[in-house]
């Protein structure tokens, strides 16, 4: 049985921000609020990740979703269900 190739990613503040912004715009949030929300989430993940040596993509997604749930449930729902047909 072939082994799964392990893929690693480098954390990026801008990557998180752009990802959140894409989902916020996708659920038609006002431009200014979408920008603010994306920046807040990116700053929160910066703070969370600062003392971590290794972080999984799932861990990072959980932090992003947790922050989004505090800011906007619609965006959190879209982000949480990105891989499902909704």
C-alpha atoms as a PDB file:
ATOM      1  CA  UNK A   1       0.000   0.000   0.000  1.00  0.00           C
ATOM      2  CA  UNK A   2       1.562   3.319  -1.031  1.00  0.00           C
ATOM      3  CA  UNK A   3       2.310   5.845   1.684  1.00  0.00           C
ATOM      4  CA  UNK A   4       0.569   9.163   1.617  1.00  0.00           C
ATOM      5  CA  UNK A   5       2.875  12.002   0.802  1.00  0.00           C
ATOM      6  CA  UNK A   6       3.030  14.474   3.665  1.00  0.00           C
ATOM      7  CA  UNK A   7       2.545  18.021   2.501  1.00  0.00           C
ATOM      8  CA  UNK A   8       3.645  20.918   4.645  1.00  0.00           C
ATOM      9  CA  UNK A   9       2.751  24.565   4.287  1.00  0.00           C
ATOM     10  CA  UNK A  10       4.344  27.685   5.630  1.00  0.00           C
ATOM     11  CA  UNK A  11       2.026  29.838   7.706  1.00  0.00           C
ATOM     12  CA  UNK A  12       1.160  33.170   6.152  1.00  0.00           C
ATOM     13  CA  UNK A  13      -0.692  36.088   7.735  1.00  0.00           C
ATOM     14  CA  UNK A  14      -1.653  37.269   4.254  1.00  0.00           C
ATOM     15  CA  UNK A  15      -2.764  33.776   3.272  1.00  0.00           C
ATOM     16  CA  UNK A  16      -5.161  33.589   6.215  1.00  0.00           C
ATOM     17  CA  UNK A  17      -6.387  37.104   5.531  1.00  0.00           C
ATOM     18  CA  UNK A  18      -7.040  36.418   1.841  1.00  0.00           C
ATOM     19  CA  UNK A  19      -8.773  33.137   2.611  1.00  0.00           C
ATOM     20  CA  UNK A  20     -11.142  34.739   5.129  1.00  0.00           C
ATOM     21  CA  UNK A  21     -11.719  37.674   2.797  1.00  0.00           C
ATOM     22  CA  UNK A  22     -12.695  35.302  -0.018  1.00  0.00           C
ATOM     23  CA  UNK A  23     -15.330  33.601   2.148  1.00  0.00           C
ATOM     24  CA  UNK A  24     -16.599  36.900   3.552  1.00  0.00           C
ATOM     25  CA  UNK A  25     -17.091  38.258   0.064  1.00  0.00           C
ATOM     26  CA  UNK A  26     -18.643  34.948  -0.968  1.00  0.00           C
ATOM     27  CA  UNK A  27     -21.439  35.419   1.536  1.00  0.00           C
ATOM     28  CA  UNK A  28     -21.790  39.063   0.487  1.00  0.00           C
ATOM     29  CA  UNK A  29     -20.405  40.862   3.504  1.00  0.00           C
ATOM     30  CA  UNK A  30     -19.819  44.601   3.038  1.00  0.00           C
ATOM     31  CA  UNK A  31     -16.297  45.275   1.704  1.00  0.00           C
ATOM     32  CA  UNK A  32     -15.121  47.254   4.738  1.00  0.00           C
ATOM     33  CA  UNK A  33     -16.411  44.710   7.245  1.00  0.00           C
ATOM     34  CA  UNK A  34     -14.951  41.834   5.230  1.00  0.00           C
ATOM     35  CA  UNK A  35     -11.515  43.532   5.320  1.00  0.00           C
ATOM     36  CA  UNK A  36     -11.749  44.210   9.065  1.00  0.00           C
ATOM     37  CA  UNK A  37     -12.874  40.680   9.796  1.00  0.00           C
ATOM     38  CA  UNK A  38     -10.091  39.155   7.699  1.00  0.00           C
ATOM     39  CA  UNK A  39      -7.453  41.289   9.431  1.00  0.00           C
ATOM     40  CA  UNK A  40      -8.807  40.451  12.905  1.00  0.00           C
ATOM     41  CA  UNK A  41      -8.758  36.733  12.182  1.00  0.00           C
ATOM     42  CA  UNK A  42      -5.244  36.912  10.709  1.00  0.00           C
ATOM     43  CA  UNK A  43      -3.970  38.796  13.781  1.00  0.00           C
ATOM     44  CA  UNK A  44      -5.608  36.251  16.084  1.00  0.00           C
ATOM     45  CA  UNK A  45      -3.962  33.375  14.235  1.00  0.00           C
ATOM     46  CA  UNK A  46      -0.601  35.210  14.329  1.00  0.00           C
ATOM     47  CA  UNK A  47      -0.914  35.441  18.101  1.00  0.00           C
ATOM     48  CA  UNK A  48      -2.052  31.821  18.465  1.00  0.00           C
ATOM     49  CA  UNK A  49       0.688  30.383  16.270  1.00  0.00           C
ATOM     50  CA  UNK A  50       3.535  32.442  17.787  1.00  0.00           C
ATOM     51  CA  UNK A  51       4.593  29.852  20.378  1.00  0.00           C
ATOM     52  CA  UNK A  52       3.891  26.733  18.302  1.00  0.00           C
ATOM     53  CA  UNK A  53       6.619  24.634  16.687  1.00  0.00           C
ATOM     54  CA  UNK A  54       4.290  22.510  14.571  1.00  0.00           C
ATOM     55  CA  UNK A  55       0.715  23.246  13.578  1.00  0.00           C
ATOM     56  CA  UNK A  56      -1.557  21.129  11.442  1.00  0.00           C
ATOM     57  CA  UNK A  57      -3.833  22.591   8.826  1.00  0.00           C
ATOM     58  CA  UNK A  58      -6.784  21.275  10.871  1.00  0.00           C
ATOM     59  CA  UNK A  59      -5.533  23.082  13.982  1.00  0.00           C
ATOM     60  CA  UNK A  60      -5.256  26.333  12.064  1.00  0.00           C
ATOM     61  CA  UNK A  61      -8.707  25.910  10.516  1.00  0.00           C
ATOM     62  CA  UNK A  62     -10.210  25.367  13.987  1.00  0.00           C
ATOM     63  CA  UNK A  63      -8.687  28.609  15.245  1.00  0.00           C
ATOM     64  CA  UNK A  64      -9.890  30.505  12.178  1.00  0.00           C
ATOM     65  CA  UNK A  65     -13.414  29.105  12.512  1.00  0.00           C
ATOM     66  CA  UNK A  66     -13.490  29.890  16.235  1.00  0.00           C
ATOM     67  CA  UNK A  67     -12.569  33.506  15.531  1.00  0.00           C
ATOM     68  CA  UNK A  68     -15.081  33.741  12.712  1.00  0.00           C
ATOM     69  CA  UNK A  69     -17.862  32.390  14.929  1.00  0.00           C
ATOM     70  CA  UNK A  70     -17.306  35.371  17.243  1.00  0.00           C
ATOM     71  CA  UNK A  71     -17.390  37.833  14.347  1.00  0.00           C
ATOM     72  CA  UNK A  72     -19.899  36.499  11.825  1.00  0.00           C
ATOM     73  CA  UNK A  73     -21.716  33.162  11.872  1.00  0.00           C
ATOM     74  CA  UNK A  74     -22.440  33.223   8.119  1.00  0.00           C
ATOM     75  CA  UNK A  75     -18.767  33.497   7.222  1.00  0.00           C
ATOM     76  CA  UNK A  76     -17.876  30.885   9.850  1.00  0.00           C
ATOM     77  CA  UNK A  77     -20.446  28.514   8.349  1.00  0.00           C
ATOM     78  CA  UNK A  78     -19.087  29.028   4.826  1.00  0.00           C
ATOM     79  CA  UNK A  79     -15.487  28.535   6.000  1.00  0.00           C
ATOM     80  CA  UNK A  80     -16.358  25.449   8.077  1.00  0.00           C
ATOM     81  CA  UNK A  81     -18.222  23.839   5.165  1.00  0.00           C
ATOM     82  CA  UNK A  82     -15.885  24.838   2.338  1.00  0.00           C
ATOM     83  CA  UNK A  83     -15.563  21.284   1.094  1.00  0.00           C
ATOM     84  CA  UNK A  84     -19.255  20.436   1.200  1.00  0.00           C
ATOM     85  CA  UNK A  85     -22.062  21.273  -1.164  1.00  0.00           C
ATOM     86  CA  UNK A  86     -24.324  23.699   0.681  1.00  0.00           C
END
